[in-house]
Structures are given as C-alpha cells and as structure tokens.
C-alpha atoms as a PDB file:
ATOM      1  CA  MET A   1      48.990 -17.050-149.619  1.00  0.00           C
ATOM      2  CA  GLU A   2      49.061 -14.188-147.486  1.00  0.00           C
ATOM      3  CA  HIS A   3      48.250 -11.932-150.704  1.00  0.00           C
ATOM      4  CA  ILE A   4      45.296 -14.483-151.163  1.00  0.00           C
ATOM      5  CA  TYR A   5      44.229 -14.050-147.493  1.00  0.00           C
ATOM      6  CA  ARG A   6      44.863 -10.202-146.885  1.00  0.00           C
ATOM      7  CA  TYR A   7      42.144 -10.188-150.514  1.00  0.00           C
ATOM      8  CA  ALA A   8      39.651 -11.627-149.169  1.00  0.00           C
ATOM      9  CA  VAL A   9      39.913 -10.112-145.819  1.00  0.00           C
ATOM     10  CA  THR A  10      39.864  -6.449-147.646  1.00  0.00           C
ATOM     11  CA  GLU A  11      36.416  -7.365-149.792  1.00  0.00           C
ATOM     12  CA  ALA A  12      34.728  -8.809-146.514  1.00  0.00           C
ATOM     13  CA  LEU A  13      35.496  -5.660-145.077  1.00  0.00           C
ATOM     14  CA  HIS A  14      34.362  -3.632-147.879  1.00  0.00           C
ATOM     15  CA  TYR A  15      31.074  -5.379-147.893  1.00  0.00           C
ATOM     16  CA  GLN A  16      30.650  -4.853-143.770  1.00  0.00           C
ATOM     17  CA  GLU A  17      31.675  -1.335-144.448  1.00  0.00           C
ATOM     18  CA  GLY A  18      28.609  -1.443-147.708  1.00  0.00           C
ATOM     19  CA  GLY A  19      26.268  -2.487-144.827  1.00  0.00           C
ATOM     20  CA  VAL A  20      25.304  -5.906-146.029  1.00  0.00           C
ATOM     21  CA  HIS A  21      24.110  -8.284-143.590  1.00  0.00           C
ATOM     22  CA  GLY A  22      26.655 -11.603-144.338  1.00  0.00           C
ATOM     23  CA  LEU A  23      28.726 -12.604-146.827  1.00  0.00           C
ATOM     24  CA  ILE A  24      29.329 -16.084-148.352  1.00  0.00           C
ATOM     25  CA  ILE A  25      32.899 -17.001-149.344  1.00  0.00           C
ATOM     26  CA  GLU A  26      33.352 -18.895-152.393  1.00  0.00           C
ATOM     27  CA  ASN A  27      36.138 -19.930-155.116  1.00  0.00           C
ATOM     28  CA  HIS A  28      34.741 -18.253-157.908  1.00  0.00           C
ATOM     29  CA  GLY A  29      38.216 -17.858-159.448  1.00  0.00           C
ATOM     30  CA  ASP A  30      39.102 -21.382-159.990  1.00  0.00           C
ATOM     31  CA  ILE A  31      37.704 -21.461-163.306  1.00  0.00           C
ATOM     32  CA  PRO A  32      36.924 -23.494-165.007  1.00  0.00           C
ATOM     33  CA  PHE A  33      35.440 -25.289-162.153  1.00  0.00           C
ATOM     34  CA  ALA A  34      36.268 -28.738-161.360  1.00  0.00           C
ATOM     35  CA  LYS A  35      33.482 -31.222-160.766  1.00  0.00           C
ATOM     36  CA  PRO A  36      33.262 -31.965-156.789  1.00  0.00           C
ATOM     37  CA  GLU A  37      35.068 -35.826-156.699  1.00  0.00           C
ATOM     38  CA  ASP A  38      37.918 -33.554-158.350  1.00  0.00           C
ATOM     39  CA  VAL A  39      38.505 -30.174-156.254  1.00  0.00           C
ATOM     40  CA  GLY A  40      41.563 -30.812-154.367  1.00  0.00           C
ATOM     41  CA  LEU A  41      42.146 -30.969-150.710  1.00  0.00           C
ATOM     42  CA  GLU A  42      44.073 -27.772-151.046  1.00  0.00           C
ATOM     43  CA  THR A  43      40.881 -25.542-151.639  1.00  0.00           C
ATOM     44  CA  ALA A  44      39.418 -26.823-148.313  1.00  0.00           C
ATOM     45  CA  ALA A  45      42.423 -26.267-146.588  1.00  0.00           C
ATOM     46  CA  VAL A  46      42.959 -22.607-148.279  1.00  0.00           C
ATOM     47  CA  MET A  47      39.170 -21.774-147.982  1.00  0.00           C
ATOM     48  CA  SER A  48      39.110 -22.878-144.074  1.00  0.00           C
ATOM     49  CA  VAL A  49      42.321 -20.232-143.181  1.00  0.00           C
ATOM     50  CA  ILE A  50      39.980 -17.664-145.547  1.00  0.00           C
ATOM     51  CA  ALA A  51      36.845 -18.416-143.305  1.00  0.00           C
ATOM     52  CA  ASP A  52      38.797 -18.182-140.373  1.00  0.00           C
ATOM     53  CA  ARG A  53      40.569 -14.645-141.153  1.00  0.00           C
ATOM     54  CA  VAL A  54      37.355 -13.690-142.260  1.00  0.00           C
ATOM     55  CA  ARG A  55      35.201 -14.567-139.659  1.00  0.00           C
ATOM     56  CA  ALA A  56      38.069 -12.639-136.884  1.00  0.00           C
ATOM     57  CA  ALA A  57      38.025  -9.686-138.869  1.00  0.00           C
ATOM     58  CA  VAL A  58      34.563  -8.642-139.707  1.00  0.00           C
ATOM     59  CA  SER A  59      31.008  -9.158-137.780  1.00  0.00           C
ATOM     60  CA  LEU A  60      28.734 -11.028-140.419  1.00  0.00           C
ATOM     61  CA  PRO A  61      27.361 -14.195-140.463  1.00  0.00           C
ATOM     62  CA  ILE A  62      29.892 -16.082-142.737  1.00  0.00           C
ATOM     63  CA  GLY A  63      28.668 -18.832-145.766  1.00  0.00           C
ATOM     64  CA  ILE A  64      30.743 -21.365-147.703  1.00  0.00           C
ATOM     65  CA  ASN A  65      29.898 -22.704-151.438  1.00  0.00           C
ATOM     66  CA  VAL A  66      33.081 -24.602-153.060  1.00  0.00           C
ATOM     67  CA  LEU A  67      32.460 -24.714-156.577  1.00  0.00           C
ATOM     68  CA  ALA A  68      31.373 -26.687-158.175  1.00  0.00           C
ATOM     69  CA  ASN A  69      28.827 -28.430-155.971  1.00  0.00           C
ATOM     70  CA  ALA A  70      31.812 -29.899-153.460  1.00  0.00           C
ATOM     71  CA  ALA A  71      29.052 -29.665-150.442  1.00  0.00           C
ATOM     72  CA  LEU A  72      31.551 -31.829-148.496  1.00  0.00           C
ATOM     73  CA  HIS A  73      34.378 -29.863-148.378  1.00  0.00           C
ATOM     74  CA  ALA A  74      31.945 -26.831-148.017  1.00  0.00           C
ATOM     75  CA  THR A  75      30.986 -28.520-144.624  1.00  0.00           C
ATOM     76  CA  ALA A  76      34.045 -29.059-143.542  1.00  0.00           C
ATOM     77  CA  ILE A  77      35.170 -25.705-144.101  1.00  0.00           C
ATOM     78  CA  ALA A  78      32.545 -24.249-142.501  1.00  0.00           C
ATOM     79  CA  THR A  79      32.837 -26.374-139.417  1.00  0.00           C
ATOM     80  CA  ALA A  80      36.588 -25.418-139.014  1.00  0.00           C
ATOM     81  CA  GLY A  81      35.982 -22.216-140.101  1.00  0.00           C
ATOM     82  CA  GLN A  82      32.791 -21.448-137.670  1.00  0.00           C
ATOM     83  CA  ALA A  83      30.715 -20.607-140.536  1.00  0.00           C
ATOM     84  CA  ALA A  84      26.795 -20.211-140.421  1.00  0.00           C
ATOM     85  CA  PHE A  85      25.338 -22.073-143.180  1.00  0.00           C
ATOM     86  CA  ILE A  86      26.842 -23.649-146.703  1.00  0.00           C
ATOM     87  CA  ARG A  87      25.380 -22.827-150.260  1.00  0.00           C
ATOM     88  CA  VAL A  88      24.941 -26.308-152.504  1.00  0.00           C
ATOM     89  CA  ASN A  89      23.920 -25.523-156.176  1.00  0.00           C
ATOM     90  CA  GLN A  90      22.490 -28.861-156.470  1.00  0.00           C
ATOM     91  CA  TRP A  91      21.324 -30.346-153.103  1.00  0.00           C
ATOM     92  CA  ALA A  92      19.069 -33.481-154.503  1.00  0.00           C
ATOM     93  CA  ASN A  93      18.419 -34.709-157.998  1.00  0.00           C
ATOM     94  CA  ALA A  94      21.170 -34.190-160.752  1.00  0.00           C
ATOM     95  CA  TYR A  95      21.902 -32.128-163.501  1.00  0.00           C
ATOM     96  CA  VAL A  96      23.890 -31.762-166.490  1.00  0.00           C
ATOM     97  CA  ALA A  97      26.644 -28.706-165.817  1.00  0.00           C
ATOM     98  CA  ASN A  98      29.172 -27.333-167.630  1.00  0.00           C
ATOM     99  CA  GLU A  99      31.178 -29.632-165.632  1.00  0.00           C
ATOM    100  CA  GLY A 100      29.315 -32.671-166.064  1.00  0.00           C
ATOM    101  CA  LEU A 101      26.871 -34.772-164.846  1.00  0.00           C
ATOM    102  CA  ILE A 102      26.822 -33.606-160.995  1.00  0.00           C
ATOM    103  CA  GLU A 103      24.611 -35.566-158.692  1.00  0.00           C
ATOM    104  CA  GLY A 104      23.005 -34.390-155.744  1.00  0.00           C
ATOM    105  CA  PRO A 105      25.090 -34.736-152.079  1.00  0.00           C
ATOM    106  CA  ALA A 106      22.390 -34.612-149.902  1.00  0.00           C
ATOM    107  CA  ALA A 107      22.635 -37.840-148.069  1.00  0.00           C
ATOM    108  CA  LYS A 108      26.407 -37.540-147.881  1.00  0.00           C
ATOM    109  CA  VAL A 109      26.329 -34.387-146.774  1.00  0.00           C
ATOM    110  CA  THR A 110      23.605 -34.453-143.839  1.00  0.00           C
ATOM    111  CA  ARG A 111      25.794 -37.943-142.466  1.00  0.00           C
ATOM    112  CA  TYR A 112      28.918 -36.438-142.955  1.00  0.00           C
ATOM    113  CA  ARG A 113      27.609 -33.027-141.241  1.00  0.00           C
ATOM    114  CA  SER A 114      26.493 -35.309-138.173  1.00  0.00           C
ATOM    115  CA  LEU A 115      29.553 -37.115-137.751  1.00  0.00           C
ATOM    116  CA  LEU A 116      31.157 -34.018-137.360  1.00  0.00           C
ATOM    117  CA  ARG A 117      28.588 -32.982-134.927  1.00  0.00           C
ATOM    118  CA  SER A 118      27.880 -29.537-137.228  1.00  0.00           C
ATOM    119  CA  LYS A 119      24.007 -29.698-137.592  1.00  0.00           C
ATOM    120  CA  GLY A 120      24.542 -26.125-136.493  1.00  0.00           C
ATOM    121  CA  VAL A 121      26.046 -25.558-140.369  1.00  0.00           C
ATOM    122  CA  ARG A 122      22.234 -24.869-142.308  1.00  0.00           C
ATOM    123  CA  ILE A 123      22.055 -25.807-146.389  1.00  0.00           C
ATOM    124  CA  PHE A 124      21.482 -23.185-148.544  1.00  0.00           C
ATOM    125  CA  ALA A 125      20.090 -24.883-151.446  1.00  0.00           C
ATOM    126  CA  ASP A 126      19.685 -23.936-155.067  1.00  0.00           C
ATOM    127  CA  VAL A 127      16.459 -25.072-156.848  1.00  0.00           C
ATOM    128  CA  HIS A 128      17.065 -25.119-160.581  1.00  0.00           C
ATOM    129  CA  VAL A 129      20.460 -23.496-160.571  1.00  0.00           C
ATOM    130  CA  LYS A 130      22.125 -21.517-162.827  1.00  0.00           C
ATOM    131  CA  HIS A 131      24.476 -23.126-165.762  1.00  0.00           C
ATOM    132  CA  GLY A 132      22.779 -26.268-166.174  1.00  0.00           C
ATOM    133  CA  ALA A 133      20.215 -28.152-167.236  1.00  0.00           C
ATOM    134  CA  HIS A 134      17.809 -29.886-164.906  1.00  0.00           C
ATOM    135  CA  ALA A 135      16.783 -33.522-163.578  1.00  0.00           C
ATOM    136  CA  ILE A 136      18.397 -34.359-166.826  1.00  0.00           C
ATOM    137  CA  VAL A 137      14.712 -34.484-168.272  1.00  0.00           C
ATOM    138  CA  GLY A 138      12.288 -31.905-168.287  1.00  0.00           C
ATOM    139  CA  ASP A 139       9.507 -33.765-166.535  1.00  0.00           C
ATOM    140  CA  ARG A 140      10.150 -32.175-163.052  1.00  0.00           C
ATOM    141  CA  THR A 141       8.160 -29.204-162.220  1.00  0.00           C
ATOM    142  CA  ILE A 142      10.306 -25.767-160.441  1.00  0.00           C
ATOM    143  CA  ALA A 143       7.696 -26.633-157.903  1.00  0.00           C
ATOM    144  CA  GLU A 144       8.386 -30.056-157.716  1.00  0.00           C
ATOM    145  CA  LEU A 145      12.375 -29.374-157.914  1.00  0.00           C
ATOM    146  CA  THR A 146      11.651 -27.251-154.816  1.00  0.00           C
ATOM    147  CA  ARG A 147       9.719 -30.134-153.004  1.00  0.00           C
ATOM    148  CA  ASP A 148      12.722 -32.054-153.375  1.00  0.00           C
ATOM    149  CA  ALA A 149      15.208 -30.013-152.126  1.00  0.00           C
ATOM    150  CA  GLU A 150      12.711 -29.141-148.780  1.00  0.00           C
ATOM    151  CA  PHE A 151      12.505 -32.749-148.181  1.00  0.00           C
ATOM    152  CA  PHE A 152      16.309 -33.412-148.248  1.00  0.00           C
ATOM    153  CA  ASP A 153      16.310 -31.184-145.405  1.00  0.00           C
ATOM    154  CA  ALA A 154      17.585 -28.189-146.587  1.00  0.00           C
ATOM    155  CA  ASP A 155      17.176 -25.369-144.723  1.00  0.00           C
ATOM    156  CA  VAL A 156      16.345 -22.143-147.043  1.00  0.00           C
ATOM    157  CA  VAL A 157      16.188 -22.594-151.116  1.00  0.00           C
ATOM    158  CA  ILE A 158      17.430 -20.128-153.734  1.00  0.00           C
ATOM    159  CA  GLY A 159      16.410 -19.048-156.930  1.00  0.00           C
ATOM    160  CA  THR A 160      18.607 -17.985-159.993  1.00  0.00           C
ATOM    161  CA  GLY A 161      18.639 -16.896-163.761  1.00  0.00           C
ATOM    162  CA  ASN A 162      20.364 -18.466-166.406  1.00  0.00           C
ATOM    163  CA  ARG A 163      23.926 -17.734-165.501  1.00  0.00           C
ATOM    164  CA  THR A 164      25.903 -15.709-163.044  1.00  0.00           C
ATOM    165  CA  GLY A 165      24.425 -12.350-163.339  1.00  0.00           C
ATOM    166  CA  ASP A 166      21.223 -13.382-164.823  1.00  0.00           C
ATOM    167  CA  PRO A 167      17.735 -11.930-163.279  1.00  0.00           C
ATOM    168  CA  ALA A 168      15.809 -14.490-161.841  1.00  0.00           C
ATOM    169  CA  SER A 169      12.171 -15.090-163.539  1.00  0.00           C
ATOM    170  CA  LEU A 170       9.591 -13.464-160.962  1.00  0.00           C
ATOM    171  CA  ASP A 171       7.310 -16.168-162.283  1.00  0.00           C
ATOM    172  CA  GLU A 172       9.563 -19.241-161.503  1.00  0.00           C
ATOM    173  CA  LEU A 173      10.443 -17.268-158.324  1.00  0.00           C
ATOM    174  CA  ALA A 174       6.646 -17.475-157.426  1.00  0.00           C
ATOM    175  CA  GLN A 175       6.587 -20.848-158.383  1.00  0.00           C
ATOM    176  CA  ILE A 176       9.175 -21.902-155.719  1.00  0.00           C
ATOM    177  CA  LYS A 177       7.805 -19.427-153.115  1.00  0.00           C
ATOM    178  CA  ASN A 178       4.759 -21.442-153.620  1.00  0.00           C
ATOM    179  CA  ALA A 179       6.062 -24.896-153.510  1.00  0.00           C
ATOM    180  CA  THR A 180       7.442 -24.529-149.885  1.00  0.00           C
ATOM    181  CA  TYR A 181       7.352 -23.185-145.976  1.00  0.00           C
ATOM    182  CA  LEU A 182      11.297 -22.693-146.108  1.00  0.00           C
ATOM    183  CA  PRO A 183      13.069 -19.251-146.815  1.00  0.00           C
ATOM    184  CA  VAL A 184      13.281 -18.285-150.171  1.00  0.00           C
ATOM    185  CA  LEU A 185      16.608 -16.480-151.387  1.00  0.00           C
ATOM    186  CA  VAL A 186      17.639 -15.074-154.761  1.00  0.00           C
ATOM    187  CA  GLY A 187      20.854 -16.078-156.169  1.00  0.00           C
ATOM    188  CA  SER A 188      21.647 -13.967-159.304  1.00  0.00           C
ATOM    189  CA  GLY A 189      20.974 -11.200-161.004  1.00  0.00           C
ATOM    190  CA  VAL A 190      20.055  -8.610-158.160  1.00  0.00           C
ATOM    191  CA  ALA A 191      20.395  -4.753-159.027  1.00  0.00           C
ATOM    192  CA  PRO A 192      18.967  -1.817-157.068  1.00  0.00           C
ATOM    193  CA  ASP A 193      16.652  -1.270-160.203  1.00  0.00           C
ATOM    194  CA  ASN A 194      14.917  -4.721-159.710  1.00  0.00           C
ATOM    195  CA  VAL A 195      15.295  -5.248-155.685  1.00  0.00           C
ATOM    196  CA  GLU A 196      12.072  -3.986-154.607  1.00  0.00           C
ATOM    197  CA  SER A 197       9.921  -6.226-157.341  1.00  0.00           C
ATOM    198  CA  ILE A 198      12.071  -9.184-156.406  1.00  0.00           C
ATOM    199  CA  LEU A 199      12.036  -8.682-152.292  1.00  0.00           C
ATOM    200  CA  GLN A 200       8.242  -8.322-153.013  1.00  0.00           C
ATOM    201  CA  LEU A 201       7.929 -12.437-153.882  1.00  0.00           C
ATOM    202  CA  VAL A 202      10.932 -13.765-151.479  1.00  0.00           C
ATOM    203  CA  ASP A 203      12.796 -13.448-148.453  1.00  0.00           C
ATOM    204  CA  GLY A 204      16.434 -12.160-149.290  1.00  0.00           C
ATOM    205  CA  VAL A 205      19.083 -11.543-151.897  1.00  0.00           C
ATOM    206  CA  ILE A 206      22.267 -13.211-152.337  1.00  0.00           C
ATOM    207  CA  ILE A 207      24.105 -10.524-154.516  1.00  0.00           C
ATOM    208  CA  GLY A 208      27.833 -10.132-156.203  1.00  0.00           C
ATOM    209  CA  SER A 209      28.114  -8.791-159.373  1.00  0.00           C
ATOM    210  CA  ALA A 210      26.506  -5.214-158.926  1.00  0.00           C
ATOM    211  CA  LEU A 211      28.412  -4.443-155.772  1.00  0.00           C
ATOM    212  CA  LYS A 212      31.673  -4.826-157.844  1.00  0.00           C
ATOM    213  CA  GLU A 213      33.902  -2.060-159.549  1.00  0.00           C
ATOM    214  CA  ASP A 214      31.600  -1.104-162.736  1.00  0.00           C
ATOM    215  CA  GLY A 215      29.211  -3.898-161.983  1.00  0.00           C
ATOM    216  CA  VAL A 216      31.677  -6.810-163.052  1.00  0.00           C
ATOM    217  CA  TRP A 217      31.767  -9.763-160.968  1.00  0.00           C
ATOM    218  CA  TRP A 218      35.568 -10.477-161.180  1.00  0.00           C
ATOM    219  CA  ASN A 219      36.256  -6.943-160.209  1.00  0.00           C
ATOM    220  CA  PRO A 220      36.984  -5.818-156.426  1.00  0.00           C
ATOM    221  CA  VAL A 221      33.797  -4.560-154.457  1.00  0.00           C
ATOM    222  CA  SER A 222      32.997  -1.324-154.754  1.00  0.00           C
ATOM    223  CA  VAL A 223      32.158   0.255-151.095  1.00  0.00           C
ATOM    224  CA  GLN A 224      29.971   3.078-152.545  1.00  0.00           C
ATOM    225  CA  ARG A 225      28.114   0.604-154.809  1.00  0.00           C
ATOM    226  CA  THR A 226      27.372  -1.442-152.209  1.00  0.00           C
ATOM    227  CA  ARG A 227      25.964   1.175-149.740  1.00  0.00           C
ATOM    228  CA  GLU A 228      24.229   2.705-152.612  1.00  0.00           C
ATOM    229  CA  PHE A 229      22.375  -0.607-152.807  1.00  0.00           C
ATOM    230  CA  MET A 230      21.969  -1.048-149.345  1.00  0.00           C
ATOM    231  CA  LYS A 231      20.427   2.127-149.003  1.00  0.00           C
ATOM    232  CA  VAL A 232      17.633   1.273-151.488  1.00  0.00           C
ATOM    233  CA  VAL A 233      17.060  -2.156-149.462  1.00  0.00           C
ATOM    234  CA  ASN A 234      16.681  -0.439-146.149  1.00  0.00           C
ATOM    235  CA  ALA A 235      14.600   2.018-147.359  1.00  0.00           C
ATOM    236  CA  LEU A 236      11.801  -0.787-148.648  1.00  0.00           C
ATOM    237  CA  PRO A 237       8.717  -1.162-146.359  1.00  0.00           C
END
C-alpha cells in the first residue's frame, strides 16, 4: 500500500509543479470498473488515506471520483479527506454504461451528505457522460439532461466526448452552457491545441491524458507537458 500512497502523492506534486489549479483523486486503475453497489469498502478506505496524504502534500483543492458512479463512497471519502467536491458521472436519470445499468444517485447522495454534515462538499455532475447511452431512450435533449442535473442540486456540470481522451463536441458544449446558470467544465479530450476554443464556451477544464507522458492516460504525469499546457491557458485573454 505504501507504494500506491507514494505514487499518488508524487503524481499530485508533479501536477502542482506544473501549475494546475486543482486535482481529482480517482480509482482509474480499477479496471474493469464495478457498479456502485459492488465497489468495495476497501476502495473507500484506501482512497481516504490517499486523499488525506495528497491534501497534506499540496496546496491545491482536491476532488474525489469513485468509478463507476460510486457517489456515496466518494462523499464519504471527501468528508474524511476534507475534499472540496466529488465528481459524479451520472447524477440524474439513468444510462446504460460499460458496467451495466447505472442510476442517478442524487437523492441518496444529497441526504447522505446532509447526514455527514458535509454540505460544503460540492457536486460536479457530468451531462451525457462518456462511455454510455443516456436516459435509456433518445427522447431527452442535451439541454433537458442539463436542466435535470441542475434541478437535482448539482453545483457544476461537465460535458465530455464519447470516451476517455475524446474531445467534446463544441455544439454539445454550447447546448449545455445555454441550458444552465451553473459553471460548465469539459471533462475529456482537452489538449493545448483546442483549449482556447473550449474555454471560449465554458468555465474550465478537467484534463488528464494530455498531461501524461506520451499523452497516454495510464502513464505518469509529465511536469513538462503540464507546464506547457498551463502556459497556453495562462496566456489566454
């Protein structure tokens, strides 16, 4: 376990050295991902330790994402690790994902967050998230899905491409942005060559793959690539 903890802290320090504004701690290596009800207690325990160590090592705000869609676990981890937010890939409605049928956990999570007295933990909710078919049938527009997330008390909404590393459609991002007063982020496919056009539409980006060595998501963080990306971002008007 010490190897895992040290690796997580090292990655966080490299991101911070590269100049990013915040971090998400995620069990992206737990492949194949389990459905929320099958995510083990050990995942929450280990990620809580990681969150605590990362928070102590860096000065950046941190968030928690437990795959797949284990928002109750994420809320517990965020509370124990004093994280600022959780990311939930399907907050409202339901969708057919790689893991099977995934239902939106908003009702359970908001009540659980209140029980833990952790209302300061914000909800970053994906809209039409990657790796799945949404709302089971195609009779809900992107705008309606966005309004559903807002109505179910999300604090931020996120648009993505079809899978990890795929750029989000600019047209889809515009539909999301026009449907809500909430801040909008992009959660996949962001790179130095498209971040300017993306940030003209939205309020921020979540980036992973492009900041890793050789641009591959499972590789270690590249401080150089991170610095180069942040140089582009910081130069934008």
